[in-house]
C-alpha atoms as a PDB file:
ATOM      1  CA  UNK A   1      44.451  57.624  21.758  1.00  0.00           C
ATOM      2  CA  UNK A   2      45.002  61.282  21.435  1.00  0.00           C
ATOM      3  CA  UNK A   3      45.302  63.462  24.676  1.00  0.00           C
ATOM      4  CA  UNK A   4      43.733  66.435  23.790  1.00  0.00           C
ATOM      5  CA  UNK A   5      44.076  69.962  25.682  1.00  0.00           C
ATOM      6  CA  UNK A   6      41.033  72.471  24.479  1.00  0.00           C
ATOM      7  CA  UNK A   7      43.070  75.646  25.290  1.00  0.00           C
ATOM      8  CA  UNK A   8      40.272  78.759  26.627  1.00  0.00           C
ATOM      9  CA  UNK A   9      42.730  81.989  26.392  1.00  0.00           C
ATOM     10  CA  UNK A  10      43.919  83.476  29.111  1.00  0.00           C
ATOM     11  CA  UNK A  11      43.863  80.697  31.400  1.00  0.00           C
ATOM     12  CA  UNK A  12      46.367  79.662  32.472  1.00  0.00           C
ATOM     13  CA  UNK A  13      46.517  77.299  29.032  1.00  0.00           C
ATOM     14  CA  UNK A  14      50.446  78.154  28.320  1.00  0.00           C
ATOM     15  CA  UNK A  15      51.339  76.736  31.810  1.00  0.00           C
ATOM     16  CA  UNK A  16      49.500  73.543  30.980  1.00  0.00           C
ATOM     17  CA  UNK A  17      49.982  73.326  27.425  1.00  0.00           C
ATOM     18  CA  UNK A  18      53.757  73.284  28.646  1.00  0.00           C
ATOM     19  CA  UNK A  19      52.918  70.786  31.610  1.00  0.00           C
ATOM     20  CA  UNK A  20      51.982  68.606  29.467  1.00  0.00           C
ATOM     21  CA  UNK A  21      54.164  68.788  26.579  1.00  0.00           C
ATOM     22  CA  UNK A  22      57.383  67.494  29.100  1.00  0.00           C
ATOM     23  CA  UNK A  23      55.727  64.255  29.069  1.00  0.00           C
ATOM     24  CA  UNK A  24      55.513  64.048  25.320  1.00  0.00           C
ATOM     25  CA  UNK A  25      58.322  63.010  21.974  1.00  0.00           C
ATOM     26  CA  UNK A  26      58.440  66.340  20.133  1.00  0.00           C
ATOM     27  CA  UNK A  27      57.153  65.049  17.334  1.00  0.00           C
ATOM     28  CA  UNK A  28      53.870  63.833  18.563  1.00  0.00           C
ATOM     29  CA  UNK A  29      52.845  67.316  19.876  1.00  0.00           C
ATOM     30  CA  UNK A  30      50.404  69.056  17.604  1.00  0.00           C
ATOM     31  CA  UNK A  31      49.370  72.482  17.730  1.00  0.00           C
ATOM     32  CA  UNK A  32      47.046  73.693  15.168  1.00  0.00           C
ATOM     33  CA  UNK A  33      46.114  76.881  14.197  1.00  0.00           C
ATOM     34  CA  UNK A  34      42.529  78.049  14.796  1.00  0.00           C
ATOM     35  CA  UNK A  35      40.158  76.416  12.267  1.00  0.00           C
ATOM     36  CA  UNK A  36      43.284  73.740  10.785  1.00  0.00           C
ATOM     37  CA  UNK A  37      41.961  70.284  12.157  1.00  0.00           C
ATOM     38  CA  UNK A  38      39.364  70.060   9.141  1.00  0.00           C
ATOM     39  CA  UNK A  39      42.349  70.563   6.964  1.00  0.00           C
ATOM     40  CA  UNK A  40      44.379  67.764   8.070  1.00  0.00           C
ATOM     41  CA  UNK A  41      43.181  63.382   7.504  1.00  0.00           C
ATOM     42  CA  UNK A  42      42.856  61.336  10.571  1.00  0.00           C
ATOM     43  CA  UNK A  43      45.842  59.158   9.340  1.00  0.00           C
ATOM     44  CA  UNK A  44      48.033  62.387  10.052  1.00  0.00           C
ATOM     45  CA  UNK A  45      46.275  63.184  13.687  1.00  0.00           C
ATOM     46  CA  UNK A  46      45.800  59.846  14.849  1.00  0.00           C
ATOM     47  CA  UNK A  47      50.099  59.900  14.552  1.00  0.00           C
ATOM     48  CA  UNK A  48      50.335  62.654  17.563  1.00  0.00           C
ATOM     49  CA  UNK A  49      49.630  62.342  21.450  1.00  0.00           C
ATOM     50  CA  UNK A  50      48.494  65.687  22.426  1.00  0.00           C
ATOM     51  CA  UNK A  51      46.831  67.951  20.707  1.00  0.00           C
ATOM     52  CA  UNK A  52      46.630  71.488  22.087  1.00  0.00           C
ATOM     53  CA  UNK A  53      45.326  74.993  21.084  1.00  0.00           C
ATOM     54  CA  UNK A  54      41.808  77.197  20.927  1.00  0.00           C
ATOM     55  CA  UNK A  55      40.073  74.670  18.702  1.00  0.00           C
ATOM     56  CA  UNK A  56      36.797  74.469  18.403  1.00  0.00           C
ATOM     57  CA  UNK A  57      34.771  71.737  19.779  1.00  0.00           C
ATOM     58  CA  UNK A  58      33.416  71.107  16.532  1.00  0.00           C
ATOM     59  CA  UNK A  59      36.638  70.656  15.009  1.00  0.00           C
ATOM     60  CA  UNK A  60      38.067  67.662  17.826  1.00  0.00           C
ATOM     61  CA  UNK A  61      35.628  65.581  15.629  1.00  0.00           C
ATOM     62  CA  UNK A  62      38.645  65.186  13.039  1.00  0.00           C
ATOM     63  CA  UNK A  63      40.806  63.491  15.830  1.00  0.00           C
ATOM     64  CA  UNK A  64      39.858  59.890  15.641  1.00  0.00           C
ATOM     65  CA  UNK A  65      38.584  58.113  18.593  1.00  0.00           C
ATOM     66  CA  UNK A  66      39.102  57.733  21.491  1.00  0.00           C
ATOM     67  CA  UNK A  67      40.732  60.957  23.001  1.00  0.00           C
ATOM     68  CA  UNK A  68      40.928  62.647  25.924  1.00  0.00           C
ATOM     69  CA  UNK A  69      39.854  65.922  25.999  1.00  0.00           C
ATOM     70  CA  UNK A  70      41.046  68.334  28.748  1.00  0.00           C
ATOM     71  CA  UNK A  71      40.687  71.668  30.145  1.00  0.00           C
ATOM     72  CA  UNK A  72      41.011  74.848  32.728  1.00  0.00           C
ATOM     73  CA  UNK A  73      38.473  77.375  33.062  1.00  0.00           C
ATOM     74  CA  UNK A  74      38.634  81.060  34.432  1.00  0.00           C
ATOM     75  CA  UNK A  75      36.036  83.055  35.685  1.00  0.00           C
ATOM     76  CA  UNK A  76      34.673  84.597  33.011  1.00  0.00           C
ATOM     77  CA  UNK A  77      35.295  88.903  33.749  1.00  0.00           C
ATOM     78  CA  UNK A  78      38.972  88.258  35.045  1.00  0.00           C
ATOM     79  CA  UNK A  79      39.118  86.249  31.400  1.00  0.00           C
ATOM     80  CA  UNK A  80      37.748  89.032  29.492  1.00  0.00           C
ATOM     81  CA  UNK A  81      39.743  91.771  31.541  1.00  0.00           C
ATOM     82  CA  UNK A  82      43.202  89.975  31.359  1.00  0.00           C
ATOM     83  CA  UNK A  83      42.521  89.573  27.376  1.00  0.00           C
ATOM     84  CA  UNK A  84      41.925  93.734  27.202  1.00  0.00           C
ATOM     85  CA  UNK A  85      45.331  93.784  28.559  1.00  0.00           C
ATOM     86  CA  UNK A  86      47.100  91.908  26.837  1.00  0.00           C
ATOM     87  CA  UNK A  87      45.975  92.983  23.976  1.00  0.00           C
ATOM     88  CA  UNK A  88      46.786  96.205  25.201  1.00  0.00           C
ATOM     89  CA  UNK A  89      50.510  95.389  26.066  1.00  0.00           C
ATOM     90  CA  UNK A  90      51.148  94.692  21.818  1.00  0.00           C
ATOM     91  CA  UNK A  91      53.086  97.539  20.284  1.00  0.00           C
ATOM     92  CA  UNK A  92      51.611  98.766  17.728  1.00  0.00           C
ATOM     93  CA  UNK A  93      54.448  97.731  14.944  1.00  0.00           C
ATOM     94  CA  UNK A  94      54.411  93.996  16.339  1.00  0.00           C
ATOM     95  CA  UNK A  95      50.343  93.848  17.052  1.00  0.00           C
ATOM     96  CA  UNK A  96      49.114  95.982  14.365  1.00  0.00           C
ATOM     97  CA  UNK A  97      51.340  96.213  11.767  1.00  0.00           C
ATOM     98  CA  UNK A  98      52.827  92.940  11.526  1.00  0.00           C
ATOM     99  CA  UNK A  99      50.481  90.242  13.074  1.00  0.00           C
ATOM    100  CA  UNK A 100      47.572  92.394  12.037  1.00  0.00           C
ATOM    101  CA  UNK A 101      45.122  91.979  14.916  1.00  0.00           C
ATOM    102  CA  UNK A 102      42.062  94.319  15.169  1.00  0.00           C
ATOM    103  CA  UNK A 103      41.807  93.072  18.735  1.00  0.00           C
ATOM    104  CA  UNK A 104      45.153  94.536  19.583  1.00  0.00           C
ATOM    105  CA  UNK A 105      44.249  97.302  16.865  1.00  0.00           C
ATOM    106  CA  UNK A 106      41.281  98.593  19.352  1.00  0.00           C
ATOM    107  CA  UNK A 107      42.391  97.640  22.527  1.00  0.00           C
ATOM    108  CA  UNK A 108      45.275 100.018  21.645  1.00  0.00           C
ATOM    109  CA  UNK A 109      43.375 103.365  20.222  1.00  0.00           C
ATOM    110  CA  UNK A 110      40.557 102.760  22.803  1.00  0.00           C
ATOM    111  CA  UNK A 111      40.088 103.251  26.340  1.00  0.00           C
ATOM    112  CA  UNK A 112      38.485 100.100  28.478  1.00  0.00           C
ATOM    113  CA  UNK A 113      35.371 101.313  28.539  1.00  0.00           C
ATOM    114  CA  UNK A 114      35.006 102.562  25.602  1.00  0.00           C
ATOM    115  CA  UNK A 115      36.506  99.205  24.322  1.00  0.00           C
ATOM    116  CA  UNK A 116      33.593  96.932  25.494  1.00  0.00           C
ATOM    117  CA  UNK A 117      31.649  99.440  24.297  1.00  0.00           C
ATOM    118  CA  UNK A 118      32.542 100.768  20.721  1.00  0.00           C
ATOM    119  CA  UNK A 119      34.660  97.065  19.267  1.00  0.00           C
ATOM    120  CA  UNK A 120      33.496  95.869  16.298  1.00  0.00           C
ATOM    121  CA  UNK A 121      31.989  92.526  16.627  1.00  0.00           C
ATOM    122  CA  UNK A 122      34.247  89.982  15.251  1.00  0.00           C
ATOM    123  CA  UNK A 123      37.279  91.809  17.760  1.00  0.00           C
ATOM    124  CA  UNK A 124      33.543  91.133  20.529  1.00  0.00           C
ATOM    125  CA  UNK A 125      33.119  87.510  19.754  1.00  0.00           C
ATOM    126  CA  UNK A 126      36.270  87.349  22.208  1.00  0.00           C
ATOM    127  CA  UNK A 127      34.845  89.009  24.992  1.00  0.00           C
ATOM    128  CA  UNK A 128      31.134  88.248  24.917  1.00  0.00           C
ATOM    129  CA  UNK A 129      30.596  84.781  25.837  1.00  0.00           C
ATOM    130  CA  UNK A 130      33.561  83.242  24.383  1.00  0.00           C
ATOM    131  CA  UNK A 131      34.521  80.111  26.313  1.00  0.00           C
ATOM    132  CA  UNK A 132      30.771  78.717  25.359  1.00  0.00           C
ATOM    133  CA  UNK A 133      31.350  79.861  21.597  1.00  0.00           C
ATOM    134  CA  UNK A 134      34.625  78.036  21.177  1.00  0.00           C
ATOM    135  CA  UNK A 135      31.923  74.896  23.091  1.00  0.00           C
ATOM    136  CA  UNK A 136      29.073  74.515  22.471  1.00  0.00           C
ATOM    137  CA  UNK A 137      29.599  73.763  18.165  1.00  0.00           C
ATOM    138  CA  UNK A 138      29.853  75.361  15.244  1.00  0.00           C
ATOM    139  CA  UNK A 139      26.439  74.488  14.009  1.00  0.00           C
ATOM    140  CA  UNK A 140      24.797  76.652  16.739  1.00  0.00           C
ATOM    141  CA  UNK A 141      26.914  79.552  16.353  1.00  0.00           C
ATOM    142  CA  UNK A 142      26.405  82.985  13.875  1.00  0.00           C
ATOM    143  CA  UNK A 143      30.469  84.309  15.476  1.00  0.00           C
ATOM    144  CA  UNK A 144      29.863  87.213  14.941  1.00  0.00           C
ATOM    145  CA  UNK A 145      26.403  87.559  15.522  1.00  0.00           C
ATOM    146  CA  UNK A 146      25.963  84.715  18.128  1.00  0.00           C
ATOM    147  CA  UNK A 147      24.102  81.760  18.801  1.00  0.00           C
ATOM    148  CA  UNK A 148      21.260  80.251  16.844  1.00  0.00           C
ATOM    149  CA  UNK A 149      20.291  78.256  19.622  1.00  0.00           C
ATOM    150  CA  UNK A 150      17.917  79.591  22.705  1.00  0.00           C
ATOM    151  CA  UNK A 151      20.828  80.540  25.391  1.00  0.00           C
ATOM    152  CA  UNK A 152      19.865  77.345  28.243  1.00  0.00           C
ATOM    153  CA  UNK A 153      20.348  74.706  25.152  1.00  0.00           C
ATOM    154  CA  UNK A 154      23.797  76.478  24.452  1.00  0.00           C
ATOM    155  CA  UNK A 155      24.094  76.157  28.221  1.00  0.00           C
ATOM    156  CA  UNK A 156      22.857  72.427  28.197  1.00  0.00           C
ATOM    157  CA  UNK A 157      25.179  71.662  24.975  1.00  0.00           C
ATOM    158  CA  UNK A 158      28.075  73.135  26.329  1.00  0.00           C
ATOM    159  CA  UNK A 159      27.649  71.055  30.209  1.00  0.00           C
ATOM    160  CA  UNK A 160      27.557  67.694  27.967  1.00  0.00           C
ATOM    161  CA  UNK A 161      30.986  68.916  26.495  1.00  0.00           C
ATOM    162  CA  UNK A 162      32.488  69.979  29.699  1.00  0.00           C
ATOM    163  CA  UNK A 163      31.220  66.796  31.385  1.00  0.00           C
ATOM    164  CA  UNK A 164      32.306  64.149  28.254  1.00  0.00           C
ATOM    165  CA  UNK A 165      36.165  65.667  29.196  1.00  0.00           C
ATOM    166  CA  UNK A 166      38.475  63.196  31.474  1.00  0.00           C
ATOM    167  CA  UNK A 167      39.050  66.596  33.415  1.00  0.00           C
ATOM    168  CA  UNK A 168      38.126  70.949  33.752  1.00  0.00           C
ATOM    169  CA  UNK A 169      40.352  72.229  35.758  1.00  0.00           C
ATOM    170  CA  UNK A 170      39.845  76.404  36.939  1.00  0.00           C
ATOM    171  CA  UNK A 171      42.741  78.537  36.885  1.00  0.00           C
ATOM    172  CA  UNK A 172      42.257  79.605  40.139  1.00  0.00           C
ATOM    173  CA  UNK A 173      42.821  76.561  41.508  1.00  0.00           C
ATOM    174  CA  UNK A 174      45.748  75.725  39.027  1.00  0.00           C
ATOM    175  CA  UNK A 175      48.089  73.761  41.186  1.00  0.00           C
ATOM    176  CA  UNK A 176      45.940  71.095  41.983  1.00  0.00           C
ATOM    177  CA  UNK A 177      43.555  71.409  38.773  1.00  0.00           C
ATOM    178  CA  UNK A 178      46.966  70.588  36.980  1.00  0.00           C
ATOM    179  CA  UNK A 179      48.080  67.482  39.258  1.00  0.00           C
ATOM    180  CA  UNK A 180      44.385  66.128  38.738  1.00  0.00           C
ATOM    181  CA  UNK A 181      44.722  66.528  34.889  1.00  0.00           C
ATOM    182  CA  UNK A 182      48.108  64.326  34.887  1.00  0.00           C
ATOM    183  CA  UNK A 183      46.964  62.284  37.278  1.00  0.00           C
ATOM    184  CA  UNK A 184      43.785  61.608  34.943  1.00  0.00           C
ATOM    185  CA  UNK A 185      46.066  61.150  31.902  1.00  0.00           C
ATOM    186  CA  UNK A 186      47.974  58.272  33.899  1.00  0.00           C
ATOM    187  CA  UNK A 187      51.302  60.873  32.992  1.00  0.00           C
ATOM    188  CA  UNK A 188      53.765  61.560  36.062  1.00  0.00           C
ATOM    189  CA  UNK A 189      53.305  64.347  37.867  1.00  0.00           C
ATOM    190  CA  UNK A 190      55.764  67.561  37.477  1.00  0.00           C
ATOM    191  CA  UNK A 191      56.006  71.441  39.198  1.00  0.00           C
ATOM    192  CA  UNK A 192      53.954  73.647  38.299  1.00  0.00           C
ATOM    193  CA  UNK A 193      54.459  76.569  35.929  1.00  0.00           C
ATOM    194  CA  UNK A 194      53.467  80.041  35.318  1.00  0.00           C
ATOM    195  CA  UNK A 195      54.392  80.852  31.573  1.00  0.00           C
ATOM    196  CA  UNK A 196      52.604  83.628  29.362  1.00  0.00           C
ATOM    197  CA  UNK A 197      51.627  86.066  32.536  1.00  0.00           C
ATOM    198  CA  UNK A 198      51.554  90.033  31.517  1.00  0.00           C
ATOM    199  CA  UNK A 199      54.359  90.689  33.608  1.00  0.00           C
ATOM    200  CA  UNK A 200      56.608  88.401  31.542  1.00  0.00           C
ATOM    201  CA  UNK A 201      54.806  89.342  28.937  1.00  0.00           C
ATOM    202  CA  UNK A 202      55.686  92.715  29.147  1.00  0.00           C
ATOM    203  CA  UNK A 203      59.308  91.950  28.724  1.00  0.00           C
ATOM    204  CA  UNK A 204      58.985  89.800  25.413  1.00  0.00           C
ATOM    205  CA  UNK A 205      59.659  91.330  22.002  1.00  0.00           C
ATOM    206  CA  UNK A 206      56.789  93.091  20.252  1.00  0.00           C
ATOM    207  CA  UNK A 207      55.285  94.243  23.863  1.00  0.00           C
ATOM    208  CA  UNK A 208      55.654  97.603  26.422  1.00  0.00           C
ATOM    209  CA  UNK A 209      54.720  97.876  29.761  1.00  0.00           C
ATOM    210  CA  UNK A 210      50.772  98.260  30.389  1.00  0.00           C
ATOM    211  CA  UNK A 211      49.251  98.878  33.707  1.00  0.00           C
ATOM    212  CA  UNK A 212      46.106  97.734  34.756  1.00  0.00           C
ATOM    213  CA  UNK A 213      43.437 100.143  36.342  1.00  0.00           C
ATOM    214  CA  UNK A 214      40.201  98.812  38.428  1.00  0.00           C
ATOM    215  CA  UNK A 215      37.037  98.040  35.913  1.00  0.00           C
ATOM    216  CA  UNK A 216      34.037 100.383  36.738  1.00  0.00           C
ATOM    217  CA  UNK A 217      31.164  99.462  38.311  1.00  0.00           C
ATOM    218  CA  UNK A 218      29.476 100.084  34.742  1.00  0.00           C
ATOM    219  CA  UNK A 219      31.782  98.226  33.098  1.00  0.00           C
ATOM    220  CA  UNK A 220      31.786  95.251  35.391  1.00  0.00           C
ATOM    221  CA  UNK A 221      28.244  95.235  35.093  1.00  0.00           C
ATOM    222  CA  UNK A 222      28.812  95.753  30.728  1.00  0.00           C
ATOM    223  CA  UNK A 223      31.030  92.188  31.489  1.00  0.00           C
ATOM    224  CA  UNK A 224      28.242  90.323  33.387  1.00  0.00           C
ATOM    225  CA  UNK A 225      25.931  90.962  30.762  1.00  0.00           C
ATOM    226  CA  UNK A 226      27.531  90.089  28.513  1.00  0.00           C
ATOM    227  CA  UNK A 227      29.251  86.633  30.077  1.00  0.00           C
ATOM    228  CA  UNK A 228      25.219  85.171  31.647  1.00  0.00           C
ATOM    229  CA  UNK A 229      26.603  81.771  29.750  1.00  0.00           C
ATOM    230  CA  UNK A 230      30.484  81.871  30.695  1.00  0.00           C
ATOM    231  CA  UNK A 231      29.243  82.606  34.098  1.00  0.00           C
ATOM    232  CA  UNK A 232      26.173  79.585  34.170  1.00  0.00           C
ATOM    233  CA  UNK A 233      29.101  77.450  32.771  1.00  0.00           C
ATOM    234  CA  UNK A 234      31.663  78.451  35.249  1.00  0.00           C
ATOM    235  CA  UNK A 235      29.246  77.765  37.631  1.00  0.00           C
ATOM    236  CA  UNK A 236      28.808  74.375  36.661  1.00  0.00           C
ATOM    237  CA  UNK A 237      32.434  73.448  36.528  1.00  0.00           C
ATOM    238  CA  UNK A 238      33.272  75.338  39.909  1.00  0.00           C
ATOM    239  CA  UNK A 239      30.544  73.899  41.762  1.00  0.00           C
ATOM    240  CA  UNK A 240      31.483  70.231  40.884  1.00  0.00           C
ATOM    241  CA  UNK A 241      34.958  71.096  42.144  1.00  0.00           C
ATOM    242  CA  UNK A 242      35.553  68.639  44.827  1.00  0.00           C
ATOM    243  CA  UNK A 243      33.672  65.671  42.867  1.00  0.00           C
ATOM    244  CA  UNK A 244      35.996  66.089  39.842  1.00  0.00           C
ATOM    245  CA  UNK A 245      38.650  66.529  42.412  1.00  0.00           C
ATOM    246  CA  UNK A 246      37.946  62.687  44.313  1.00  0.00           C
ATOM    247  CA  UNK A 247      37.397  61.159  40.737  1.00  0.00           C
ATOM    248  CA  UNK A 248      40.773  62.419  39.695  1.00  0.00           C
ATOM    249  CA  UNK A 249      42.510  61.452  43.173  1.00  0.00           C
ATOM    250  CA  UNK A 250      40.898  57.992  42.842  1.00  0.00           C
ATOM    251  CA  UNK A 251      42.291  57.730  39.268  1.00  0.00           C
ATOM    252  CA  UNK A 252      45.757  58.724  40.664  1.00  0.00           C
ATOM    253  CA  UNK A 253      46.015  55.593  42.579  1.00  0.00           C
ATOM    254  CA  UNK A 254      46.056  53.675  38.916  1.00  0.00           C
ATOM    255  CA  UNK A 255      48.009  55.901  37.108  1.00  0.00           C
ATOM    256  CA  UNK A 256      50.985  53.883  36.118  1.00  0.00           C
ATOM    257  CA  UNK A 257      48.478  51.575  34.428  1.00  0.00           C
ATOM    258  CA  UNK A 258      46.330  54.068  32.794  1.00  0.00           C
ATOM    259  CA  UNK A 259      49.312  55.189  31.353  1.00  0.00           C
ATOM    260  CA  UNK A 260      50.770  51.574  29.919  1.00  0.00           C
ATOM    261  CA  UNK A 261      46.966  50.772  28.506  1.00  0.00           C
ATOM    262  CA  UNK A 262      46.576  54.350  26.909  1.00  0.00           C
ATOM    263  CA  UNK A 263      49.835  55.032  25.311  1.00  0.00           C
ATOM    264  CA  UNK A 264      51.411  51.529  24.324  1.00  0.00           C
ATOM    265  CA  UNK A 265      54.708  51.687  24.564  1.00  0.00           C
ATOM    266  CA  UNK A 266      55.871  50.648  21.338  1.00  0.00           C
ATOM    267  CA  UNK A 267      53.905  53.947  19.680  1.00  0.00           C
ATOM    268  CA  UNK A 268      56.743  56.263  21.400  1.00  0.00           C
ATOM    269  CA  UNK A 269      54.799  59.036  22.277  1.00  0.00           C
ATOM    270  CA  UNK A 270      55.859  59.687  25.732  1.00  0.00           C
ATOM    271  CA  UNK A 271      58.753  60.665  26.681  1.00  0.00           C
ATOM    272  CA  UNK A 272      60.907  58.248  28.950  1.00  0.00           C
ATOM    273  CA  UNK A 273      61.268  59.474  32.921  1.00  0.00           C
ATOM    274  CA  UNK A 274      64.219  59.778  34.456  1.00  0.00           C
END
């Protein structure tokens, strides 16, 4: 049985991924690039204890069952603004010339207000109901134009996928979410982390200092319009928070038995604890 962390961008996923990875041997961890899972055989994927990355929901079908899927969701407007400033903090040499990111290119050349009005569809797909795009399944999505089914059907499908997860936490309640996820997976508790923050990234090679400015009321209205579906999904997770946490707490009480059942000791997937 594998753990799958579906990493929704700019939702504290790097921090949770590193907390999860601490419990697995390096050779048992696989971080696929976008749209890479489909190129791996089921036999290959069955050999991993932890798979994490910016995967589409449809790609998860390539992983042999059973799997235990977890994720984190962030308030959609905060997520969108975080991604814009993260892109803008890239240097031109790294973000555009080296890694050829169109998102970085437009974030570096357009003001925040202009960006959300003028960036092309392939870039705006990272901001317009981006979580729903990742969760709904490729069969319901035309990447540059949006969904091929009504919005309410998108919400229904995405909610079903969220409910199928072992646990989906909230970025705004990261410490409790991370503890609940580890507990639901039968993994030992560990100290929370804060990795890949904007402040930290600005000190790294390939990045430079930016000073985020507050969005105007008009821009906030634009972002709400772009993220109406994601907002509905966020409310679904947020409103079920107490129930999810209570369920996780109940599972934590049997955590060691769960770990032994989910990860047979002979497979050598989980790091030994000292």
